[in-house]
Amino acid sequence: RLTCSMECEITNRSVNGKTGASSANLEKAQSAAKLSPNSG
């Protein structure tokens, strides 16, 4: 556990979803998709 309550846990997940490593991978995938002739 890194947070004191469920409210803080939800906030932490939302922040990590925007700035964490998973978000960076998602942004790379989205950038690649935009350049692809099949999905862009």
Full PDB file with SEQRES, HELIX, SHEET, SSBOND, CRYST1, ORIGX, SCALE, CONECT and MASTER records, all heavy atoms in Angstrom:
SEQRES   1 A   40  ARG LEU THR CYS SER MET GLU CYS GLU ILE THR ASN ARG          
SEQRES   2 A   40  SER VAL ASN GLY LYS THR GLY ALA SER SER ALA ASN LEU          
SEQRES   3 A   40  GLU LYS ALA GLN SER ALA ALA LYS LEU SER PRO ASN SER          
SEQRES   4 A   40  GLY                                                          
HELIX    1 AA1 MET A    6  THR A   19  1                                  14    
HELIX    2 AA2 ALA A   21  LEU A   35  1                                  15    
CRYST1    1.000    1.000    1.000  90.00  90.00  90.00 P 1           1          
ORIGX1      1.000000  0.000000  0.000000        0.00000                         
ORIGX2      0.000000  1.000000  0.000000        0.00000                         
ORIGX3      0.000000  0.000000  1.000000        0.00000                         
SCALE1      1.000000  0.000000  0.000000        0.00000                         
SCALE2      0.000000  1.000000  0.000000        0.00000                         
SCALE3      0.000000  0.000000  1.000000        0.00000                         
ATOM      1  N   ARG A   1       0.816  -1.209   0.000  1.00  0.00           N  
ATOM      2  CA  ARG A   1       0.000   0.000   0.000  1.00  0.00           C  
ATOM      3  C   ARG A   1       0.848   1.258   0.000  1.00  0.00           C  
ATOM      4  O   ARG A   1       1.834   1.354   0.724  1.00  0.00           O  
ATOM      5  CB  ARG A   1      -0.934   0.021   1.214  1.00  0.00           C  
ATOM      6  CG  ARG A   1      -2.148  -0.882   1.096  1.00  0.00           C  
ATOM      7  CD  ARG A   1      -3.062  -0.684   2.277  1.00  0.00           C  
ATOM      8  NE  ARG A   1      -3.491   0.705   2.399  1.00  0.00           N  
ATOM      9  CZ  ARG A   1      -4.168   1.179   3.450  1.00  0.00           C  
ATOM     10  NH1 ARG A   1      -4.454   0.384   4.459  1.00  0.00           N  
ATOM     11  NH2 ARG A   1      -4.530   2.445   3.472  1.00  0.00           N  
ATOM     12  N   LEU A   2       0.455   2.219  -0.798  1.00  0.00           N  
ATOM     13  CA  LEU A   2       1.155   3.497  -0.869  1.00  0.00           C  
ATOM     14  C   LEU A   2       0.275   4.659  -0.457  1.00  0.00           C  
ATOM     15  O   LEU A   2       0.758   5.780  -0.305  1.00  0.00           O  
ATOM     16  CB  LEU A   2       1.661   3.736  -2.293  1.00  0.00           C  
ATOM     17  CG  LEU A   2       2.628   2.690  -2.861  1.00  0.00           C  
ATOM     18  CD1 LEU A   2       2.928   2.996  -4.320  1.00  0.00           C  
ATOM     19  CD2 LEU A   2       3.908   2.640  -2.045  1.00  0.00           C  
ATOM     20  N   THR A   3      -1.016   4.387  -0.280  1.00  0.00           N  
ATOM     21  CA  THR A   3      -1.964   5.461   0.045  1.00  0.00           C  
ATOM     22  C   THR A   3      -2.736   5.101   1.309  1.00  0.00           C  
ATOM     23  O   THR A   3      -2.876   3.932   1.669  1.00  0.00           O  
ATOM     24  CB  THR A   3      -2.961   5.681  -1.111  1.00  0.00           C  
ATOM     25  OG1 THR A   3      -3.617   4.441  -1.414  1.00  0.00           O  
ATOM     26  CG2 THR A   3      -2.233   6.163  -2.356  1.00  0.00           C  
ATOM     27  N   CYS A   4      -3.285   6.137   1.949  1.00  0.00           N  
ATOM     28  CA  CYS A   4      -3.959   5.944   3.231  1.00  0.00           C  
ATOM     29  C   CYS A   4      -5.425   5.553   3.081  1.00  0.00           C  
ATOM     30  O   CYS A   4      -6.032   5.047   4.021  1.00  0.00           O  
ATOM     31  CB  CYS A   4      -3.856   7.220   4.061  1.00  0.00           C  
ATOM     32  SG  CYS A   4      -4.683   8.647   3.307  1.00  0.00           S  
ATOM     33  N   SER A   5      -6.029   5.793   1.927  1.00  0.00           N  
ATOM     34  CA  SER A   5      -7.454   5.537   1.753  1.00  0.00           C  
ATOM     35  C   SER A   5      -7.753   5.190   0.300  1.00  0.00           C  
ATOM     36  O   SER A   5      -6.911   5.337  -0.585  1.00  0.00           O  
ATOM     37  CB  SER A   5      -8.273   6.768   2.162  1.00  0.00           C  
ATOM     38  OG  SER A   5      -7.960   7.867   1.315  1.00  0.00           O  
ATOM     39  N   MET A   6      -8.987   4.738   0.075  1.00  0.00           N  
ATOM     40  CA  MET A   6      -9.407   4.393  -1.284  1.00  0.00           C  
ATOM     41  C   MET A   6      -9.450   5.636  -2.163  1.00  0.00           C  
ATOM     42  O   MET A   6      -9.126   5.574  -3.353  1.00  0.00           O  
ATOM     43  CB  MET A   6     -10.787   3.726  -1.241  1.00  0.00           C  
ATOM     44  CG  MET A   6     -11.294   3.302  -2.625  1.00  0.00           C  
ATOM     45  SD  MET A   6     -10.180   2.153  -3.484  1.00  0.00           S  
ATOM     46  CE  MET A   6     -10.339   0.723  -2.406  1.00  0.00           C  
ATOM     47  N   GLU A   7      -9.846   6.778  -1.599  1.00  0.00           N  
ATOM     48  CA  GLU A   7      -9.887   8.019  -2.380  1.00  0.00           C  
ATOM     49  C   GLU A   7      -8.500   8.380  -2.901  1.00  0.00           C  
ATOM     50  O   GLU A   7      -8.329   8.742  -4.068  1.00  0.00           O  
ATOM     51  CB  GLU A   7     -10.452   9.168  -1.537  1.00  0.00           C  
ATOM     52  CG  GLU A   7     -11.936   9.060  -1.211  1.00  0.00           C  
ATOM     53  CD  GLU A   7     -12.234   8.045  -0.134  1.00  0.00           C  
ATOM     54  OE1 GLU A   7     -11.270   7.568   0.503  1.00  0.00           O  
ATOM     55  OE2 GLU A   7     -13.416   7.722   0.078  1.00  0.00           O  
ATOM     56  N   CYS A   8      -7.499   8.272  -2.018  1.00  0.00           N  
ATOM     57  CA  CYS A   8      -6.128   8.577  -2.442  1.00  0.00           C  
ATOM     58  C   CYS A   8      -5.621   7.526  -3.424  1.00  0.00           C  
ATOM     59  O   CYS A   8      -4.833   7.845  -4.321  1.00  0.00           O  
ATOM     60  CB  CYS A   8      -5.211   8.657  -1.228  1.00  0.00           C  
ATOM     61  SG  CYS A   8      -5.390  10.183  -0.267  1.00  0.00           S  
ATOM     62  N   GLU A   9      -6.069   6.290  -3.269  1.00  0.00           N  
ATOM     63  CA  GLU A   9      -5.662   5.233  -4.199  1.00  0.00           C  
ATOM     64  C   GLU A   9      -6.176   5.527  -5.602  1.00  0.00           C  
ATOM     65  O   GLU A   9      -5.466   5.364  -6.597  1.00  0.00           O  
ATOM     66  CB  GLU A   9      -6.199   3.891  -3.712  1.00  0.00           C  
ATOM     67  CG  GLU A   9      -5.938   2.720  -4.646  1.00  0.00           C  
ATOM     68  CD  GLU A   9      -4.468   2.365  -4.746  1.00  0.00           C  
ATOM     69  OE1 GLU A   9      -3.691   2.778  -3.875  1.00  0.00           O  
ATOM     70  OE2 GLU A   9      -4.105   1.673  -5.708  1.00  0.00           O  
ATOM     71  N   ILE A  10      -7.438   5.970  -5.700  1.00  0.00           N  
ATOM     72  CA  ILE A  10      -8.019   6.307  -7.007  1.00  0.00           C  
ATOM     73  C   ILE A  10      -7.267   7.478  -7.636  1.00  0.00           C  
ATOM     74  O   ILE A  10      -6.974   7.477  -8.836  1.00  0.00           O  
ATOM     75  CB  ILE A  10      -9.517   6.641  -6.846  1.00  0.00           C  
ATOM     76  CG1 ILE A  10     -10.284   5.392  -6.394  1.00  0.00           C  
ATOM     77  CG2 ILE A  10     -10.094   7.195  -8.151  1.00  0.00           C  
ATOM     78  CD1 ILE A  10     -11.737   5.659  -6.074  1.00  0.00           C  
ATOM     79  N   THR A  11      -6.940   8.476  -6.812  1.00  0.00           N  
ATOM     80  CA  THR A  11      -6.178   9.624  -7.308  1.00  0.00           C  
ATOM     81  C   THR A  11      -4.815   9.195  -7.810  1.00  0.00           C  
ATOM     82  O   THR A  11      -4.361   9.627  -8.883  1.00  0.00           O  
ATOM     83  CB  THR A  11      -6.012  10.673  -6.200  1.00  0.00           C  
ATOM     84  OG1 THR A  11      -7.301  11.088  -5.732  1.00  0.00           O  
ATOM     85  CG2 THR A  11      -5.241  11.880  -6.711  1.00  0.00           C  
ATOM     86  N   ASN A  12      -4.154   8.327  -7.065  1.00  0.00           N  
ATOM     87  CA  ASN A  12      -2.822   7.852  -7.454  1.00  0.00           C  
ATOM     88  C   ASN A  12      -2.871   7.094  -8.771  1.00  0.00           C  
ATOM     89  O   ASN A  12      -2.003   7.255  -9.632  1.00  0.00           O  
ATOM     90  CB  ASN A  12      -2.254   6.958  -6.349  1.00  0.00           C  
ATOM     91  CG  ASN A  12      -0.866   6.451  -6.670  1.00  0.00           C  
ATOM     92  OD1 ASN A  12      -0.005   7.206  -7.088  1.00  0.00           O  
ATOM     93  ND2 ASN A  12      -0.654   5.156  -6.491  1.00  0.00           N  
ATOM     94  N   ARG A  13      -3.898   6.259  -8.937  1.00  0.00           N  
ATOM     95  CA  ARG A  13      -4.024   5.498 -10.188  1.00  0.00           C  
ATOM     96  C   ARG A  13      -4.263   6.418 -11.380  1.00  0.00           C  
ATOM     97  O   ARG A  13      -3.717   6.200 -12.454  1.00  0.00           O  
ATOM     98  CB  ARG A  13      -5.169   4.492 -10.069  1.00  0.00           C  
ATOM     99  CG  ARG A  13      -4.863   3.326  -9.138  1.00  0.00           C  
ATOM    100  CD  ARG A  13      -6.026   2.357  -9.087  1.00  0.00           C  
ATOM    101  NE  ARG A  13      -5.758   1.249  -8.182  1.00  0.00           N  
ATOM    102  CZ  ARG A  13      -6.614   0.258  -7.946  1.00  0.00           C  
ATOM    103  NH1 ARG A  13      -7.804   0.256  -8.547  1.00  0.00           N  
ATOM    104  NH2 ARG A  13      -6.297  -0.711  -7.119  1.00  0.00           N  
ATOM    105  N   SER A  14      -5.095   7.438 -11.164  1.00  0.00           N  
ATOM    106  CA  SER A  14      -5.376   8.355 -12.270  1.00  0.00           C  
ATOM    107  C   SER A  14      -4.129   9.138 -12.661  1.00  0.00           C  
ATOM    108  O   SER A  14      -3.871   9.374 -13.837  1.00  0.00           O  
ATOM    109  CB  SER A  14      -6.509   9.311 -11.891  1.00  0.00           C  
ATOM    110  OG  SER A  14      -6.127  10.145 -10.818  1.00  0.00           O  
ATOM    111  N   VAL A  15      -3.331   9.524 -11.671  1.00  0.00           N  
ATOM    112  CA  VAL A  15      -2.100  10.264 -11.958  1.00  0.00           C  
ATOM    113  C   VAL A  15      -1.090   9.373 -12.658  1.00  0.00           C  
ATOM    114  O   VAL A  15      -0.458   9.762 -13.638  1.00  0.00           O  
ATOM    115  CB  VAL A  15      -1.498  10.842 -10.656  1.00  0.00           C  
ATOM    116  CG1 VAL A  15      -0.115  11.417 -10.915  1.00  0.00           C  
ATOM    117  CG2 VAL A  15      -2.413  11.911 -10.092  1.00  0.00           C  
ATOM    118  N   ASN A  16      -0.933   8.130 -12.169  1.00  0.00           N  
ATOM    119  CA  ASN A  16      -0.002   7.207 -12.804  1.00  0.00           C  
ATOM    120  C   ASN A  16      -0.429   6.874 -14.221  1.00  0.00           C  
ATOM    121  O   ASN A  16       0.394   6.635 -15.097  1.00  0.00           O  
ATOM    122  CB  ASN A  16       0.114   5.920 -11.988  1.00  0.00           C  
ATOM    123  CG  ASN A  16       0.998   6.102 -10.772  1.00  0.00           C  
ATOM    124  OD1 ASN A  16       1.838   6.989 -10.753  1.00  0.00           O  
ATOM    125  ND2 ASN A  16       0.804   5.286  -9.753  1.00  0.00           N  
ATOM    126  N   GLY A  17      -1.755   6.858 -14.438  1.00  0.00           N  
ATOM    127  CA  GLY A  17      -2.234   6.576 -15.781  1.00  0.00           C  
ATOM    128  C   GLY A  17      -1.858   7.664 -16.768  1.00  0.00           C  
ATOM    129  O   GLY A  17      -1.800   7.435 -17.962  1.00  0.00           O  
ATOM    130  N   LYS A  18      -1.599   8.901 -16.243  1.00  0.00           N  
ATOM    131  CA  LYS A  18      -1.266  10.019 -17.115  1.00  0.00           C  
ATOM    132  C   LYS A  18       0.236  10.274 -17.199  1.00  0.00           C  
ATOM    133  O   LYS A  18       0.730  10.764 -18.197  1.00  0.00           O  
ATOM    134  CB  LYS A  18      -1.974  11.287 -16.612  1.00  0.00           C  
ATOM    135  CG  LYS A  18      -3.493  11.213 -16.697  1.00  0.00           C  
ATOM    136  CD  LYS A  18      -4.123  12.461 -16.123  1.00  0.00           C  
ATOM    137  CE  LYS A  18      -5.653  12.379 -16.164  1.00  0.00           C  
ATOM    138  NZ  LYS A  18      -6.279  13.574 -15.576  1.00  0.00           N  
ATOM    139  N   THR A  19       0.956   9.937 -16.112  1.00  0.00           N  
ATOM    140  CA  THR A  19       2.370  10.287 -16.089  1.00  0.00           C  
ATOM    141  C   THR A  19       3.290   9.105 -15.842  1.00  0.00           C  
ATOM    142  O   THR A  19       4.492   9.257 -15.877  1.00  0.00           O  
ATOM    143  CB  THR A  19       2.624  11.329 -14.982  1.00  0.00           C  
ATOM    144  OG1 THR A  19       2.285  10.748 -13.710  1.00  0.00           O  
ATOM    145  CG2 THR A  19       1.789  12.577 -15.203  1.00  0.00           C  
ATOM    146  N   GLY A  20       2.743   7.909 -15.566  1.00  0.00           N  
ATOM    147  CA  GLY A  20       3.581   6.765 -15.250  1.00  0.00           C  
ATOM    148  C   GLY A  20       4.176   6.101 -16.479  1.00  0.00           C  
ATOM    149  O   GLY A  20       4.002   6.541 -17.616  1.00  0.00           O  
ATOM    150  N   ALA A  21       4.875   4.984 -16.237  1.00  0.00           N  
ATOM    151  CA  ALA A  21       5.520   4.249 -17.336  1.00  0.00           C  
ATOM    152  C   ALA A  21       4.492   3.680 -18.293  1.00  0.00           C  
ATOM    153  O   ALA A  21       4.706   3.639 -19.508  1.00  0.00           O  
ATOM    154  CB  ALA A  21       6.388   3.132 -16.752  1.00  0.00           C  
ATOM    155  N   SER A  22       3.347   3.232 -17.748  1.00  0.00           N  
ATOM    156  CA  SER A  22       2.316   2.679 -18.624  1.00  0.00           C  
ATOM    157  C   SER A  22       1.786   3.740 -19.582  1.00  0.00           C  
ATOM    158  O   SER A  22       1.456   3.454 -20.735  1.00  0.00           O  
ATOM    159  CB  SER A  22       1.163   2.117 -17.786  1.00  0.00           C  
ATOM    160  OG  SER A  22       0.600   3.128 -16.971  1.00  0.00           O  
ATOM    161  N   SER A  23       1.713   4.977 -19.098  1.00  0.00           N  
ATOM    162  CA  SER A  23       1.254   6.068 -19.951  1.00  0.00           C  
ATOM    163  C   SER A  23       2.240   6.333 -21.077  1.00  0.00           C  
ATOM    164  O   SER A  23       1.845   6.595 -22.217  1.00  0.00           O  
ATOM    165  CB  SER A  23       1.060   7.331 -19.118  1.00  0.00           C  
ATOM    166  OG  SER A  23       0.702   8.429 -19.935  1.00  0.00           O  
ATOM    167  N   ALA A  24       3.546   6.248 -20.762  1.00  0.00           N  
ATOM    168  CA  ALA A  24       4.565   6.472 -21.794  1.00  0.00           C  
ATOM    169  C   ALA A  24       4.481   5.414 -22.883  1.00  0.00           C  
ATOM    170  O   ALA A  24       4.579   5.719 -24.073  1.00  0.00           O  
ATOM    171  CB  ALA A  24       5.954   6.459 -21.154  1.00  0.00           C  
ATOM    172  N   ASN A  25       4.249   4.161 -22.481  1.00  0.00           N  
ATOM    173  CA  ASN A  25       4.106   3.092 -23.459  1.00  0.00           C  
ATOM    174  C   ASN A  25       2.852   3.292 -24.306  1.00  0.00           C  
ATOM    175  O   ASN A  25       2.853   3.035 -25.514  1.00  0.00           O  
ATOM    176  CB  ASN A  25       4.041   1.732 -22.762  1.00  0.00           C  
ATOM    177  CG  ASN A  25       5.351   1.371 -22.095  1.00  0.00           C  
ATOM    178  OD1 ASN A  25       6.410   1.824 -22.529  1.00  0.00           O  
ATOM    179  ND2 ASN A  25       5.292   0.565 -21.049  1.00  0.00           N  
ATOM    180  N   LEU A  26       1.773   3.750 -23.649  1.00  0.00           N  
ATOM    181  CA  LEU A  26       0.538   4.004 -24.371  1.00  0.00           C  
ATOM    182  C   LEU A  26       0.717   5.118 -25.395  1.00  0.00           C  
ATOM    183  O   LEU A  26       0.242   5.028 -26.528  1.00  0.00           O  
ATOM    184  CB  LEU A  26      -0.575   4.358 -23.386  1.00  0.00           C  
ATOM    185  CG  LEU A  26      -1.946   4.680 -23.995  1.00  0.00           C  
ATOM    186  CD1 LEU A  26      -2.472   3.493 -24.785  1.00  0.00           C  
ATOM    187  CD2 LEU A  26      -2.933   5.065 -22.905  1.00  0.00           C  
ATOM    188  N   GLU A  27       1.433   6.181 -25.007  1.00  0.00           N  
ATOM    189  CA  GLU A  27       1.667   7.294 -25.922  1.00  0.00           C  
ATOM    190  C   GLU A  27       2.512   6.849 -27.119  1.00  0.00           C  
ATOM    191  O   GLU A  27       2.279   7.274 -28.256  1.00  0.00           O  
ATOM    192  CB  GLU A  27       2.364   8.432 -25.180  1.00  0.00           C  
ATOM    193  CG  GLU A  27       1.455   9.138 -24.184  1.00  0.00           C  
ATOM    194  CD  GLU A  27       2.183  10.256 -23.456  1.00  0.00           C  
ATOM    195  OE1 GLU A  27       3.386  10.439 -23.728  1.00  0.00           O  
ATOM    196  OE2 GLU A  27       1.551  10.938 -22.631  1.00  0.00           O  
ATOM    197  N   LYS A  28       3.490   5.980 -26.878  1.00  0.00           N  
ATOM    198  CA  LYS A  28       4.306   5.457 -27.983  1.00  0.00           C  
ATOM    199  C   LYS A  28       3.448   4.649 -28.947  1.00  0.00           C  
ATOM    200  O   LYS A  28       3.583   4.760 -30.166  1.00  0.00           O  
ATOM    201  CB  LYS A  28       5.441   4.589 -27.432  1.00  0.00           C  
ATOM    202  CG  LYS A  28       6.521   5.369 -26.707  1.00  0.00           C  
ATOM    203  CD  LYS A  28       7.613   4.439 -26.204  1.00  0.00           C  
ATOM    204  CE  LYS A  28       8.701   5.206 -25.460  1.00  0.00           C  
ATOM    205  NZ  LYS A  28       9.749   4.286 -24.942  1.00  0.00           N  
ATOM    206  N   ALA A  29       2.567   3.810 -28.371  1.00  0.00           N  
ATOM    207  CA  ALA A  29       1.701   2.988 -29.218  1.00  0.00           C  
ATOM    208  C   ALA A  29       0.739   3.858 -30.027  1.00  0.00           C  
ATOM    209  O   ALA A  29       0.490   3.594 -31.215  1.00  0.00           O  
ATOM    210  CB  ALA A  29       0.917   1.994 -28.358  1.00  0.00           C  
ATOM    211  N   GLN A  30       0.206   4.896 -29.390  1.00  0.00           N  
ATOM    212  CA  GLN A  30      -0.720   5.789 -30.094  1.00  0.00           C  
ATOM    213  C   GLN A  30      -0.015   6.562 -31.201  1.00  0.00           C  
ATOM    214  O   GLN A  30      -0.565   6.764 -32.281  1.00  0.00           O  
ATOM    215  CB  GLN A  30      -1.363   6.745 -29.096  1.00  0.00           C  
ATOM    216  CG  GLN A  30      -2.336   6.071 -28.140  1.00  0.00           C  
ATOM    217  CD  GLN A  30      -2.859   7.008 -27.078  1.00  0.00           C  
ATOM    218  OE1 GLN A  30      -2.260   8.058 -26.809  1.00  0.00           O  
ATOM    219  NE2 GLN A  30      -3.980   6.662 -26.469  1.00  0.00           N  
ATOM    220  N   SER A  31       1.218   6.986 -30.932  1.00  0.00           N  
ATOM    221  CA  SER A  31       1.993   7.704 -31.952  1.00  0.00           C  
ATOM    222  C   SER A  31       2.281   6.798 -33.145  1.00  0.00           C  
ATOM    223  O   SER A  31       2.183   7.220 -34.297  1.00  0.00           O  
ATOM    224  CB  SER A  31       3.305   8.222 -31.349  1.00  0.00           C  
ATOM    225  OG  SER A  31       3.047   9.136 -30.300  1.00  0.00           O  
ATOM    226  N   ALA A  32       2.643   5.549 -32.856  1.00  0.00           N  
ATOM    227  CA  ALA A  32       2.917   4.596 -33.932  1.00  0.00           C  
ATOM    228  C   ALA A  32       1.654   4.319 -34.743  1.00  0.00           C  
ATOM    229  O   ALA A  32       1.705   4.187 -35.971  1.00  0.00           O  
ATOM    230  CB  ALA A  32       3.483   3.303 -33.355  1.00  0.00           C  
ATOM    231  N   ALA A  33       0.508   4.226 -34.046  1.00  0.00           N  
ATOM    232  CA  ALA A  33      -0.756   3.962 -34.743  1.00  0.00           C  
ATOM    233  C   ALA A  33      -1.134   5.101 -35.674  1.00  0.00           C  
ATOM    234  O   ALA A  33      -1.659   4.890 -36.763  1.00  0.00           O  
ATOM    235  CB  ALA A  33      -1.867   3.714 -33.720  1.00  0.00           C  
ATOM    236  N   LYS A  34      -0.833   6.336 -35.250  1.00  0.00           N  
ATOM    237  CA  LYS A  34      -1.161   7.494 -36.081  1.00  0.00           C  
ATOM    238  C   LYS A  34      -0.331   7.530 -37.364  1.00  0.00           C  
ATOM    239  O   LYS A  34      -0.773   8.064 -38.380  1.00  0.00           O  
ATOM    240  CB  LYS A  34      -0.942   8.785 -35.290  1.00  0.00           C  
ATOM    241  CG  LYS A  34      -1.946   8.989 -34.157  1.00  0.00           C  
ATOM    242  CD  LYS A  34      -1.639  10.259 -33.383  1.00  0.00           C  
ATOM    243  CE  LYS A  34      -2.632  10.450 -32.237  1.00  0.00           C  
ATOM    244  NZ  LYS A  34      -2.350  11.683 -31.470  1.00  0.00           N  
ATOM    245  N   LEU A  35       0.877   6.962 -37.317  1.00  0.00           N  
ATOM    246  CA  LEU A  35       1.752   6.955 -38.484  1.00  0.00           C  
ATOM    247  C   LEU A  35       1.544   5.737 -39.370  1.00  0.00           C  
ATOM    248  O   LEU A  35       2.067   5.678 -40.482  1.00  0.00           O  
ATOM    249  CB  LEU A  35       3.221   7.003 -38.028  1.00  0.00           C  
ATOM    250  CG  LEU A  35       3.642   8.252 -37.240  1.00  0.00           C  
ATOM    251  CD1 LEU A  35       5.079   8.108 -36.766  1.00  0.00           C  
ATOM    252  CD2 LEU A  35       3.472   9.511 -38.087  1.00  0.00           C  
ATOM    253  N   SER A  36       0.781   4.764 -38.883  1.00  0.00           N  
ATOM    254  CA  SER A  36       0.573   3.536 -39.640  1.00  0.00           C  
ATOM    255  C   SER A  36      -0.462   3.751 -40.742  1.00  0.00           C  
ATOM    256  O   SER A  36      -1.515   4.347 -40.500  1.00  0.00           O  
ATOM    257  CB  SER A  36       0.096   2.419 -38.709  1.00  0.00           C  
ATOM    258  OG  SER A  36      -0.320   1.295 -39.454  1.00  0.00           O  
ATOM    259  N   PRO A  37      -0.202   3.259 -41.967  1.00  0.00           N  
ATOM    260  CA  PRO A  37      -1.189   3.381 -43.046  1.00  0.00           C  
ATOM    261  C   PRO A  37      -2.440   2.545 -42.790  1.00  0.00           C  
ATOM    262  O   PRO A  37      -3.455   2.744 -43.449  1.00  0.00           O  
ATOM    263  CB  PRO A  37      -0.432   2.882 -44.281  1.00  0.00           C  
ATOM    264  CG  PRO A  37       0.628   1.989 -43.731  1.00  0.00           C  
ATOM    265  CD  PRO A  37       1.017   2.595 -42.410  1.00  0.00           C  
ATOM    266  N   ASN A  38      -2.367   1.639 -41.827  1.00  0.00           N  
ATOM    267  CA  ASN A  38      -3.512   0.777 -41.530  1.00  0.00           C  
ATOM    268  C   ASN A  38      -4.451   1.384 -40.495  1.00  0.00           C  
ATOM    269  O   ASN A  38      -5.631   1.039 -40.467  1.00  0.00           O  
ATOM    270  CB  ASN A  38      -3.033  -0.589 -41.027  1.00  0.00           C  
ATOM    271  CG  ASN A  38      -2.221  -1.331 -42.053  1.00  0.00           C  
ATOM    272  OD1 ASN A  38      -2.487  -1.245 -43.247  1.00  0.00           O  
ATOM    273  ND2 ASN A  38      -1.215  -2.067 -41.606  1.00  0.00           N  
ATOM    274  N   SER A  39      -3.935   2.261 -39.632  1.00  0.00           N  
ATOM    275  CA  SER A  39      -4.763   2.782 -38.545  1.00  0.00           C  
ATOM    276  C   SER A  39      -4.752   4.294 -38.427  1.00  0.00           C  
ATOM    277  O   SER A  39      -5.556   4.859 -37.689  1.00  0.00           O  
ATOM    278  CB  SER A  39      -4.296   2.183 -37.210  1.00  0.00           C  
ATOM    279  OG  SER A  39      -2.907   2.424 -37.007  1.00  0.00           O  
ATOM    280  N   GLY A  40      -3.849   4.972 -39.126  1.00  0.00           N  
ATOM    281  CA  GLY A  40      -3.777   6.422 -39.029  1.00  0.00           C  
ATOM    282  C   GLY A  40      -4.769   7.119 -39.939  1.00  0.00           C  
ATOM    283  O   GLY A  40      -5.619   6.487 -40.584  1.00  0.00           O  
TER     284      GLY A  40                                                      
MASTER        0    0    0    2    0    0    0    6  283    1    0    4          
END                                                                             
